[in-house]
Structures are given as C-alpha cells and as structure tokens.
Amino acid sequence: MASFTTQIQIHDEKLGDDYTLRDEMQRRGFTRTIKGSDAVYLLPEATYNFVGDLDEQAVYDKAMQAVTALGRTGGIIVTRSAGRIIGGLTKA
C-alpha cells in the first residue's frame, strides 16, 4: 500500500469550511494523523494522510471531490511518500 500526503488550500474560504472539509476528507479515507516509529502525530492544518492501493491521480480526485462538496474551489497537492521523517509535530 502506498502513503500519500495531501495539502489543500480552499479558495474564498468561509468560516467553518475547515471543519466541513475535514469531515468530507474523512469520508473519503483521509486522516489528519500520521504514524511515526514511536507515536501517532497530528498533521499541520490543511494536510491529510491517505494510505491505500491508489495512484496519485485517484487520491487527487478523492480530495477534489471533498473540495467540490464544499461548493468551493481549491488548490491541491498530492505527494506519494517514498519515506518520511517526522519531527516537531504534536502527538495525537
């Protein structure tokens, strides 16, 4: 299974959109946490983790569906992980 980091910037964000986006992303299998070697950590704002047997385009499409569900547009970056180093994040 591949791991992906996804960052989203909502255009014309309205109050409460961040909470609604979190719900929409969670419905599509994204989490706001990442597992390190010693603990589970919270990701920075507007950053999500996805683990699954998909490619970058499919993960992007899932994220875009979440943004579209808000009735907004947004910028999205999806990166497939080839390895991660975690530091300075808050433990979940």
PDB file of N, CA and C in Angstrom:
ATOM      1  N   MET A   1       0.836  -1.185   0.000  1.00  0.00           N
ATOM      2  CA  MET A   1       0.000   0.000   0.000  1.00  0.00           C
ATOM      3  C   MET A   1       0.875   1.240   0.000  1.00  0.00           C
ATOM      4  N   ALA A   2       0.442   2.234  -0.698  1.00  0.00           N
ATOM      5  CA  ALA A   2       1.180   3.496  -0.775  1.00  0.00           C
ATOM      6  C   ALA A   2       0.619   4.496   0.228  1.00  0.00           C
ATOM      7  N   SER A   3       1.478   5.418   0.670  1.00  0.00           N
ATOM      8  CA  SER A   3       1.078   6.516   1.555  1.00  0.00           C
ATOM      9  C   SER A   3       1.210   7.823   0.788  1.00  0.00           C
ATOM     10  N   PHE A   4       0.248   8.705   0.983  1.00  0.00           N
ATOM     11  CA  PHE A   4       0.216   9.984   0.290  1.00  0.00           C
ATOM     12  C   PHE A   4      -0.005  11.116   1.288  1.00  0.00           C
ATOM     13  N   THR A   5       0.696  12.209   1.083  1.00  0.00           N
ATOM     14  CA  THR A   5       0.431  13.435   1.824  1.00  0.00           C
ATOM     15  C   THR A   5      -0.309  14.364   0.878  1.00  0.00           C
ATOM     16  N   THR A   6      -1.422  14.912   1.346  1.00  0.00           N
ATOM     17  CA  THR A   6      -2.248  15.790   0.526  1.00  0.00           C
ATOM     18  C   THR A   6      -2.452  17.111   1.256  1.00  0.00           C
ATOM     19  N   GLN A   7      -2.167  18.209   0.575  1.00  0.00           N
ATOM     20  CA  GLN A   7      -2.385  19.539   1.135  1.00  0.00           C
ATOM     21  C   GLN A   7      -3.428  20.249   0.294  1.00  0.00           C
ATOM     22  N   ILE A   8      -4.312  20.970   0.978  1.00  0.00           N
ATOM     23  CA  ILE A   8      -5.412  21.643   0.294  1.00  0.00           C
ATOM     24  C   ILE A   8      -5.485  23.097   0.750  1.00  0.00           C
ATOM     25  N   GLN A   9      -5.633  23.993  -0.224  1.00  0.00           N
ATOM     26  CA  GLN A   9      -5.881  25.400   0.056  1.00  0.00           C
ATOM     27  C   GLN A   9      -7.228  25.751  -0.561  1.00  0.00           C
ATOM     28  N   ILE A  10      -8.212  26.034   0.284  1.00  0.00           N
ATOM     29  CA  ILE A  10      -9.550  26.389  -0.185  1.00  0.00           C
ATOM     30  C   ILE A  10      -9.542  27.848  -0.642  1.00  0.00           C
ATOM     31  N   HIS A  11     -10.057  28.092  -1.842  1.00  0.00           N
ATOM     32  CA  HIS A  11     -10.194  29.459  -2.335  1.00  0.00           C
ATOM     33  C   HIS A  11     -11.478  30.062  -1.761  1.00  0.00           C
ATOM     34  N   ASP A  12     -11.438  31.318  -1.405  1.00  0.00           N
ATOM     35  CA  ASP A  12     -12.604  32.021  -0.835  1.00  0.00           C
ATOM     36  C   ASP A  12     -13.181  31.268   0.349  1.00  0.00           C
ATOM     37  N   GLU A  13     -12.313  30.840   1.248  1.00  0.00           N
ATOM     38  CA  GLU A  13     -12.728  30.051   2.413  1.00  0.00           C
ATOM     39  C   GLU A  13     -13.672  30.846   3.315  1.00  0.00           C
ATOM     40  N   LYS A  14     -14.703  30.187   3.755  1.00  0.00           N
ATOM     41  CA  LYS A  14     -15.687  30.777   4.665  1.00  0.00           C
ATOM     42  C   LYS A  14     -15.529  30.131   6.043  1.00  0.00           C
ATOM     43  N   LEU A  15     -16.018  30.812   7.042  1.00  0.00           N
ATOM     44  CA  LEU A  15     -15.955  30.311   8.409  1.00  0.00           C
ATOM     45  C   LEU A  15     -16.585  28.916   8.488  1.00  0.00           C
ATOM     46  N   GLY A  16     -15.869  27.978   9.045  1.00  0.00           N
ATOM     47  CA  GLY A  16     -16.370  26.621   9.214  1.00  0.00           C
ATOM     48  C   GLY A  16     -16.008  25.672   8.088  1.00  0.00           C
ATOM     49  N   ASP A  17     -15.470  26.197   6.979  1.00  0.00           N
ATOM     50  CA  ASP A  17     -15.108  25.334   5.852  1.00  0.00           C
ATOM     51  C   ASP A  17     -14.063  24.300   6.244  1.00  0.00           C
ATOM     52  N   ASP A  18     -13.129  24.677   7.125  1.00  0.00           N
ATOM     53  CA  ASP A  18     -12.070  23.738   7.500  1.00  0.00           C
ATOM     54  C   ASP A  18     -12.642  22.511   8.200  1.00  0.00           C
ATOM     55  N   TYR A  19     -13.660  22.716   9.028  1.00  0.00           N
ATOM     56  CA  TYR A  19     -14.292  21.576   9.716  1.00  0.00           C
ATOM     57  C   TYR A  19     -15.078  20.703   8.735  1.00  0.00           C
ATOM     58  N   THR A  20     -15.784  21.354   7.824  1.00  0.00           N
ATOM     59  CA  THR A  20     -16.545  20.608   6.827  1.00  0.00           C
ATOM     60  C   THR A  20     -15.600  19.838   5.917  1.00  0.00           C
ATOM     61  N   LEU A  21     -14.485  20.466   5.541  1.00  0.00           N
ATOM     62  CA  LEU A  21     -13.504  19.784   4.696  1.00  0.00           C
ATOM     63  C   LEU A  21     -12.942  18.564   5.410  1.00  0.00           C
ATOM     64  N   ARG A  22     -12.636  18.691   6.684  1.00  0.00           N
ATOM     65  CA  ARG A  22     -12.129  17.541   7.452  1.00  0.00           C
ATOM     66  C   ARG A  22     -13.115  16.386   7.406  1.00  0.00           C
ATOM     67  N   ASP A  23     -14.400  16.693   7.574  1.00  0.00           N
ATOM     68  CA  ASP A  23     -15.429  15.647   7.517  1.00  0.00           C
ATOM     69  C   ASP A  23     -15.481  15.003   6.136  1.00  0.00           C
ATOM     70  N   GLU A  24     -15.447  15.825   5.103  1.00  0.00           N
ATOM     71  CA  GLU A  24     -15.512  15.312   3.730  1.00  0.00           C
ATOM     72  C   GLU A  24     -14.285  14.460   3.407  1.00  0.00           C
ATOM     73  N   MET A  25     -13.123  14.898   3.851  1.00  0.00           N
ATOM     74  CA  MET A  25     -11.902  14.132   3.610  1.00  0.00           C
ATOM     75  C   MET A  25     -11.942  12.807   4.363  1.00  0.00           C
ATOM     76  N   GLN A  26     -12.411  12.837   5.606  1.00  0.00           N
ATOM     77  CA  GLN A  26     -12.505  11.607   6.401  1.00  0.00           C
ATOM     78  C   GLN A  26     -13.439  10.602   5.726  1.00  0.00           C
ATOM     79  N   ARG A  27     -14.547  11.067   5.174  1.00  0.00           N
ATOM     80  CA  ARG A  27     -15.488  10.177   4.467  1.00  0.00           C
ATOM     81  C   ARG A  27     -14.820   9.481   3.280  1.00  0.00           C
ATOM     82  N   ARG A  28     -13.773  10.098   2.763  1.00  0.00           N
ATOM     83  CA  ARG A  28     -13.069   9.560   1.595  1.00  0.00           C
ATOM     84  C   ARG A  28     -11.793   8.808   1.966  1.00  0.00           C
ATOM     85  N   GLY A  29     -11.600   8.568   3.268  1.00  0.00           N
ATOM     86  CA  GLY A  29     -10.490   7.734   3.714  1.00  0.00           C
ATOM     87  C   GLY A  29      -9.224   8.464   4.126  1.00  0.00           C
ATOM     88  N   PHE A  30      -9.259   9.800   4.179  1.00  0.00           N
ATOM     89  CA  PHE A  30      -8.101  10.579   4.597  1.00  0.00           C
ATOM     90  C   PHE A  30      -8.103  10.740   6.113  1.00  0.00           C
ATOM     91  N   THR A  31      -6.924  10.890   6.685  1.00  0.00           N
ATOM     92  CA  THR A  31      -6.807  11.154   8.118  1.00  0.00           C
ATOM     93  C   THR A  31      -5.995  12.424   8.324  1.00  0.00           C
ATOM     94  N   ARG A  32      -6.078  12.983   9.523  1.00  0.00           N
ATOM     95  CA  ARG A  32      -5.283  14.159   9.887  1.00  0.00           C
ATOM     96  C   ARG A  32      -4.122  13.762  10.779  1.00  0.00           C
ATOM     97  N   THR A  33      -3.837  12.463  10.811  1.00  0.00           N
ATOM     98  CA  THR A  33      -2.729  11.954  11.617  1.00  0.00           C
ATOM     99  C   THR A  33      -1.778  11.144  10.746  1.00  0.00           C
ATOM    100  N   ILE A  34      -0.580  10.954  11.285  1.00  0.00           N
ATOM    101  CA  ILE A  34       0.424  10.153  10.601  1.00  0.00           C
ATOM    102  C   ILE A  34       1.151   9.323  11.656  1.00  0.00           C
ATOM    103  N   LYS A  35       1.443   8.077  11.314  1.00  0.00           N
ATOM    104  CA  LYS A  35       2.099   7.181  12.264  1.00  0.00           C
ATOM    105  C   LYS A  35       3.609   7.268  12.115  1.00  0.00           C
ATOM    106  N   GLY A  36       4.264   7.629  13.196  1.00  0.00           N
ATOM    107  CA  GLY A  36       5.719   7.633  13.237  1.00  0.00           C
ATOM    108  C   GLY A  36       6.212   6.334  13.838  1.00  0.00           C
ATOM    109  N   SER A  37       7.514   6.208  14.019  1.00  0.00           N
ATOM    110  CA  SER A  37       8.073   4.979  14.571  1.00  0.00           C
ATOM    111  C   SER A  37       7.746   4.803  16.045  1.00  0.00           C
ATOM    112  N   ASP A  38       7.444   5.920  16.724  1.00  0.00           N
ATOM    113  CA  ASP A  38       7.210   5.854  18.165  1.00  0.00           C
ATOM    114  C   ASP A  38       5.830   6.311  18.607  1.00  0.00           C
ATOM    115  N   ALA A  39       5.061   6.956  17.725  1.00  0.00           N
ATOM    116  CA  ALA A  39       3.760   7.505  18.124  1.00  0.00           C
ATOM    117  C   ALA A  39       2.967   7.898  16.880  1.00  0.00           C
ATOM    118  N   VAL A  40       1.736   8.316  17.114  1.00  0.00           N
ATOM    119  CA  VAL A  40       0.888   8.881  16.067  1.00  0.00           C
ATOM    120  C   VAL A  40       0.879  10.392  16.274  1.00  0.00           C
ATOM    121  N   TYR A  41       1.031  11.135  15.175  1.00  0.00           N
ATOM    122  CA  TYR A  41       1.157  12.583  15.246  1.00  0.00           C
ATOM    123  C   TYR A  41       0.061  13.284  14.464  1.00  0.00           C
ATOM    124  N   LEU A  42      -0.299  14.490  14.914  1.00  0.00           N
ATOM    125  CA  LEU A  42      -1.237  15.339  14.194  1.00  0.00           C
ATOM    126  C   LEU A  42      -0.503  16.038  13.062  1.00  0.00           C
ATOM    127  N   LEU A  43      -1.123  16.091  11.906  1.00  0.00           N
ATOM    128  CA  LEU A  43      -0.538  16.783  10.760  1.00  0.00           C
ATOM    129  C   LEU A  43      -0.833  18.283  10.838  1.00  0.00           C
ATOM    130  N   PRO A  44      -0.029  19.104  10.177  1.00  0.00           N
ATOM    131  CA  PRO A  44      -0.310  20.547  10.127  1.00  0.00           C
ATOM    132  C   PRO A  44      -1.669  20.811   9.486  1.00  0.00           C
ATOM    133  N   GLU A  45      -2.205  21.988   9.737  1.00  0.00           N
ATOM    134  CA  GLU A  45      -3.506  22.372   9.175  1.00  0.00           C
ATOM    135  C   GLU A  45      -3.541  22.163   7.662  1.00  0.00           C
ATOM    136  N   ALA A  46      -4.687  21.742   7.175  1.00  0.00           N
ATOM    137  CA  ALA A  46      -4.948  21.549   5.738  1.00  0.00           C
ATOM    138  C   ALA A  46      -4.058  20.481   5.105  1.00  0.00           C
ATOM    139  N   THR A  47      -3.517  19.591   5.941  1.00  0.00           N
ATOM    140  CA  THR A  47      -2.681  18.498   5.458  1.00  0.00           C
ATOM    141  C   THR A  47      -3.317  17.181   5.873  1.00  0.00           C
ATOM    142  N   TYR A  48      -3.372  16.244   4.948  1.00  0.00           N
ATOM    143  CA  TYR A  48      -4.047  14.972   5.174  1.00  0.00           C
ATOM    144  C   TYR A  48      -3.150  13.816   4.758  1.00  0.00           C
ATOM    145  N   ASN A  49      -3.413  12.659   5.341  1.00  0.00           N
ATOM    146  CA  ASN A  49      -2.695  11.437   5.013  1.00  0.00           C
ATOM    147  C   ASN A  49      -3.689  10.456   4.397  1.00  0.00           C
ATOM    148  N   PHE A  50      -3.251   9.756   3.370  1.00  0.00           N
ATOM    149  CA  PHE A  50      -4.064   8.700   2.770  1.00  0.00           C
ATOM    150  C   PHE A  50      -3.173   7.500   2.543  1.00  0.00           C
ATOM    151  N   VAL A  51      -3.648   6.329   2.945  1.00  0.00           N
ATOM    152  CA  VAL A  51      -2.924   5.080   2.723  1.00  0.00           C
ATOM    153  C   VAL A  51      -3.856   4.157   1.949  1.00  0.00           C
ATOM    154  N   GLY A  52      -3.391   3.665   0.806  1.00  0.00           N
ATOM    155  CA  GLY A  52      -4.236   2.777   0.022  1.00  0.00           C
ATOM    156  C   GLY A  52      -3.574   2.352  -1.269  1.00  0.00           C
ATOM    157  N   ASP A  53      -4.270   1.508  -1.984  1.00  0.00           N
ATOM    158  CA  ASP A  53      -3.776   0.971  -3.253  1.00  0.00           C
ATOM    159  C   ASP A  53      -4.291   1.812  -4.416  1.00  0.00           C
ATOM    160  N   LEU A  54      -3.979   3.097  -4.386  1.00  0.00           N
ATOM    161  CA  LEU A  54      -4.378   4.013  -5.451  1.00  0.00           C
ATOM    162  C   LEU A  54      -3.130   4.691  -6.002  1.00  0.00           C
ATOM    163  N   ASP A  55      -3.304   5.391  -7.125  1.00  0.00           N
ATOM    164  CA  ASP A  55      -2.205   6.205  -7.632  1.00  0.00           C
ATOM    165  C   ASP A  55      -2.474   7.671  -7.273  1.00  0.00           C
ATOM    166  N   GLU A  56      -1.521   8.532  -7.608  1.00  0.00           N
ATOM    167  CA  GLU A  56      -1.629   9.947  -7.248  1.00  0.00           C
ATOM    168  C   GLU A  56      -2.889  10.586  -7.818  1.00  0.00           C
ATOM    169  N   GLN A  57      -3.232  10.266  -9.051  1.00  0.00           N
ATOM    170  CA  GLN A  57      -4.410  10.860  -9.684  1.00  0.00           C
ATOM    171  C   GLN A  57      -5.694  10.483  -8.942  1.00  0.00           C
ATOM    172  N   ALA A  58      -5.809   9.226  -8.547  1.00  0.00           N
ATOM    173  CA  ALA A  58      -7.013   8.783  -7.832  1.00  0.00           C
ATOM    174  C   ALA A  58      -7.129   9.471  -6.465  1.00  0.00           C
ATOM    175  N   VAL A  59      -6.006   9.657  -5.779  1.00  0.00           N
ATOM    176  CA  VAL A  59      -6.018  10.350  -4.488  1.00  0.00           C
ATOM    177  C   VAL A  59      -6.395  11.818  -4.706  1.00  0.00           C
ATOM    178  N   TYR A  60      -5.829  12.435  -5.728  1.00  0.00           N
ATOM    179  CA  TYR A  60      -6.180  13.808  -6.082  1.00  0.00           C
ATOM    180  C   TYR A  60      -7.684  13.922  -6.348  1.00  0.00           C
ATOM    181  N   ASP A  61      -8.223  12.998  -7.125  1.00  0.00           N
ATOM    182  CA  ASP A  61      -9.648  13.027  -7.456  1.00  0.00           C
ATOM    183  C   ASP A  61     -10.506  12.943  -6.198  1.00  0.00           C
ATOM    184  N   LYS A  62     -10.122  12.100  -5.243  1.00  0.00           N
ATOM    185  CA  LYS A  62     -10.856  11.997  -3.973  1.00  0.00           C
ATOM    186  C   LYS A  62     -10.825  13.325  -3.218  1.00  0.00           C
ATOM    187  N   ALA A  63      -9.661  13.955  -3.180  1.00  0.00           N
ATOM    188  CA  ALA A  63      -9.536  15.242  -2.496  1.00  0.00           C
ATOM    189  C   ALA A  63     -10.369  16.310  -3.202  1.00  0.00           C
ATOM    190  N   MET A  64     -10.351  16.308  -4.527  1.00  0.00           N
ATOM    191  CA  MET A  64     -11.141  17.276  -5.287  1.00  0.00           C
ATOM    192  C   MET A  64     -12.631  17.087  -5.044  1.00  0.00           C
ATOM    193  N   GLN A  65     -13.077  15.848  -4.901  1.00  0.00           N
ATOM    194  CA  GLN A  65     -14.484  15.586  -4.578  1.00  0.00           C
ATOM    195  C   GLN A  65     -14.847  16.225  -3.241  1.00  0.00           C
ATOM    196  N   ALA A  66     -13.945  16.160  -2.268  1.00  0.00           N
ATOM    197  CA  ALA A  66     -14.198  16.755  -0.954  1.00  0.00           C
ATOM    198  C   ALA A  66     -14.301  18.272  -1.063  1.00  0.00           C
ATOM    199  N   VAL A  67     -13.404  18.879  -1.834  1.00  0.00           N
ATOM    200  CA  VAL A  67     -13.442  20.333  -2.024  1.00  0.00           C
ATOM    201  C   VAL A  67     -14.726  20.734  -2.740  1.00  0.00           C
ATOM    202  N   THR A  68     -15.079  19.997  -3.776  1.00  0.00           N
ATOM    203  CA  THR A  68     -16.289  20.285  -4.538  1.00  0.00           C
ATOM    204  C   THR A  68     -17.537  20.170  -3.666  1.00  0.00           C
ATOM    205  N   ALA A  69     -17.543  19.226  -2.716  1.00  0.00           N
ATOM    206  CA  ALA A  69     -18.679  19.051  -1.810  1.00  0.00           C
ATOM    207  C   ALA A  69     -18.905  20.302  -0.955  1.00  0.00           C
ATOM    208  N   LEU A  70     -17.857  21.115  -0.771  1.00  0.00           N
ATOM    209  CA  LEU A  70     -17.994  22.371  -0.031  1.00  0.00           C
ATOM    210  C   LEU A  70     -18.615  23.468  -0.882  1.00  0.00           C
ATOM    211  N   GLY A  71     -18.674  23.245  -2.190  1.00  0.00           N
ATOM    212  CA  GLY A  71     -19.128  24.283  -3.099  1.00  0.00           C
ATOM    213  C   GLY A  71     -18.043  25.321  -3.343  1.00  0.00           C
ATOM    214  N   ARG A  72     -16.801  24.911  -3.191  1.00  0.00           N
ATOM    215  CA  ARG A  72     -15.657  25.803  -3.347  1.00  0.00           C
ATOM    216  C   ARG A  72     -14.688  25.235  -4.378  1.00  0.00           C
ATOM    217  N   THR A  73     -13.696  26.032  -4.699  1.00  0.00           N
ATOM    218  CA  THR A  73     -12.565  25.561  -5.482  1.00  0.00           C
ATOM    219  C   THR A  73     -11.352  25.594  -4.564  1.00  0.00           C
ATOM    220  N   GLY A  74     -10.294  24.935  -4.985  1.00  0.00           N
ATOM    221  CA  GLY A  74      -9.109  24.925  -4.141  1.00  0.00           C
ATOM    222  C   GLY A  74      -7.895  24.411  -4.869  1.00  0.00           C
ATOM    223  N   GLY A  75      -6.760  24.675  -4.275  1.00  0.00           N
ATOM    224  CA  GLY A  75      -5.506  24.135  -4.762  1.00  0.00           C
ATOM    225  C   GLY A  75      -5.175  22.873  -3.994  1.00  0.00           C
ATOM    226  N   ILE A  76      -4.704  21.857  -4.689  1.00  0.00           N
ATOM    227  CA  ILE A  76      -4.431  20.555  -4.082  1.00  0.00           C
ATOM    228  C   ILE A  76      -3.062  20.062  -4.538  1.00  0.00           C
ATOM    229  N   ILE A  77      -2.294  19.568  -3.583  1.00  0.00           N
ATOM    230  CA  ILE A  77      -1.027  18.907  -3.890  1.00  0.00           C
ATOM    231  C   ILE A  77      -1.080  17.511  -3.288  1.00  0.00           C
ATOM    232  N   VAL A  78      -0.790  16.504  -4.094  1.00  0.00           N
ATOM    233  CA  VAL A  78      -0.723  15.119  -3.628  1.00  0.00           C
ATOM    234  C   VAL A  78       0.691  14.617  -3.872  1.00  0.00           C
ATOM    235  N   THR A  79       1.306  14.088  -2.826  1.00  0.00           N
ATOM    236  CA  THR A  79       2.658  13.551  -2.931  1.00  0.00           C
ATOM    237  C   THR A  79       2.679  12.121  -2.421  1.00  0.00           C
ATOM    238  N   ARG A  80       3.181  11.199  -3.239  1.00  0.00           N
ATOM    239  CA  ARG A  80       3.353   9.807  -2.812  1.00  0.00           C
ATOM    240  C   ARG A  80       4.632   9.741  -1.993  1.00  0.00           C
ATOM    241  N   SER A  81       4.551   9.094  -0.842  1.00  0.00           N
ATOM    242  CA  SER A  81       5.713   9.007   0.040  1.00  0.00           C
ATOM    243  C   SER A  81       6.643   7.879  -0.384  1.00  0.00           C
ATOM    244  N   ALA A  82       7.923   8.208  -0.433  1.00  0.00           N
ATOM    245  CA  ALA A  82       8.962   7.202  -0.650  1.00  0.00           C
ATOM    246  C   ALA A  82       9.746   7.010   0.640  1.00  0.00           C
ATOM    247  N   GLY A  83       9.230   7.569   1.722  1.00  0.00           N
ATOM    248  CA  GLY A  83       9.852   7.543   3.030  1.00  0.00           C
ATOM    249  C   GLY A  83       9.619   8.866   3.709  1.00  0.00           C
ATOM    250  N   ARG A  84       9.497   8.849   5.027  1.00  0.00           N
ATOM    251  CA  ARG A  84       9.192  10.075   5.758  1.00  0.00           C
ATOM    252  C   ARG A  84      10.046  10.180   7.000  1.00  0.00           C
ATOM    253  N   ILE A  85      10.375  11.405   7.335  1.00  0.00           N
ATOM    254  CA  ILE A  85      10.980  11.724   8.622  1.00  0.00           C
ATOM    255  C   ILE A  85      10.026  12.686   9.301  1.00  0.00           C
ATOM    256  N   ILE A  86       9.653  12.416  10.527  1.00  0.00           N
ATOM    257  CA  ILE A  86       8.693  13.218  11.258  1.00  0.00           C
ATOM    258  C   ILE A  86       9.380  13.881  12.430  1.00  0.00           C
ATOM    259  N   GLY A  87       9.201  15.173  12.569  1.00  0.00           N
ATOM    260  CA  GLY A  87       9.780  15.883  13.700  1.00  0.00           C
ATOM    261  C   GLY A  87       8.979  17.113  14.036  1.00  0.00           C
ATOM    262  N   GLY A  88       8.877  17.414  15.309  1.00  0.00           N
ATOM    263  CA  GLY A  88       8.241  18.634  15.768  1.00  0.00           C
ATOM    264  C   GLY A  88       6.733  18.661  15.709  1.00  0.00           C
ATOM    265  N   LEU A  89       6.092  17.570  15.361  1.00  0.00           N
ATOM    266  CA  LEU A  89       4.638  17.519  15.330  1.00  0.00           C
ATOM    267  C   LEU A  89       4.099  17.126  16.698  1.00  0.00           C
ATOM    268  N   THR A  90       2.853  17.537  16.966  1.00  0.00           N
ATOM    269  CA  THR A  90       2.192  17.205  18.221  1.00  0.00           C
ATOM    270  C   THR A  90       1.684  15.781  18.180  1.00  0.00           C
ATOM    271  N   LYS A  91       1.900  15.052  19.273  1.00  0.00           N
ATOM    272  CA  LYS A  91       1.374  13.683  19.345  1.00  0.00           C
ATOM    273  C   LYS A  91      -0.147  13.732  19.412  1.00  0.00           C
ATOM    274  N   ALA A  92      -0.767  12.779  18.728  1.00  0.00           N
ATOM    275  CA  ALA A  92      -2.235  12.711  18.696  1.00  0.00           C
ATOM    276  C   ALA A  92      -2.749  12.112  19.983  1.00  0.00           C
TER     277      ALA A  92
END
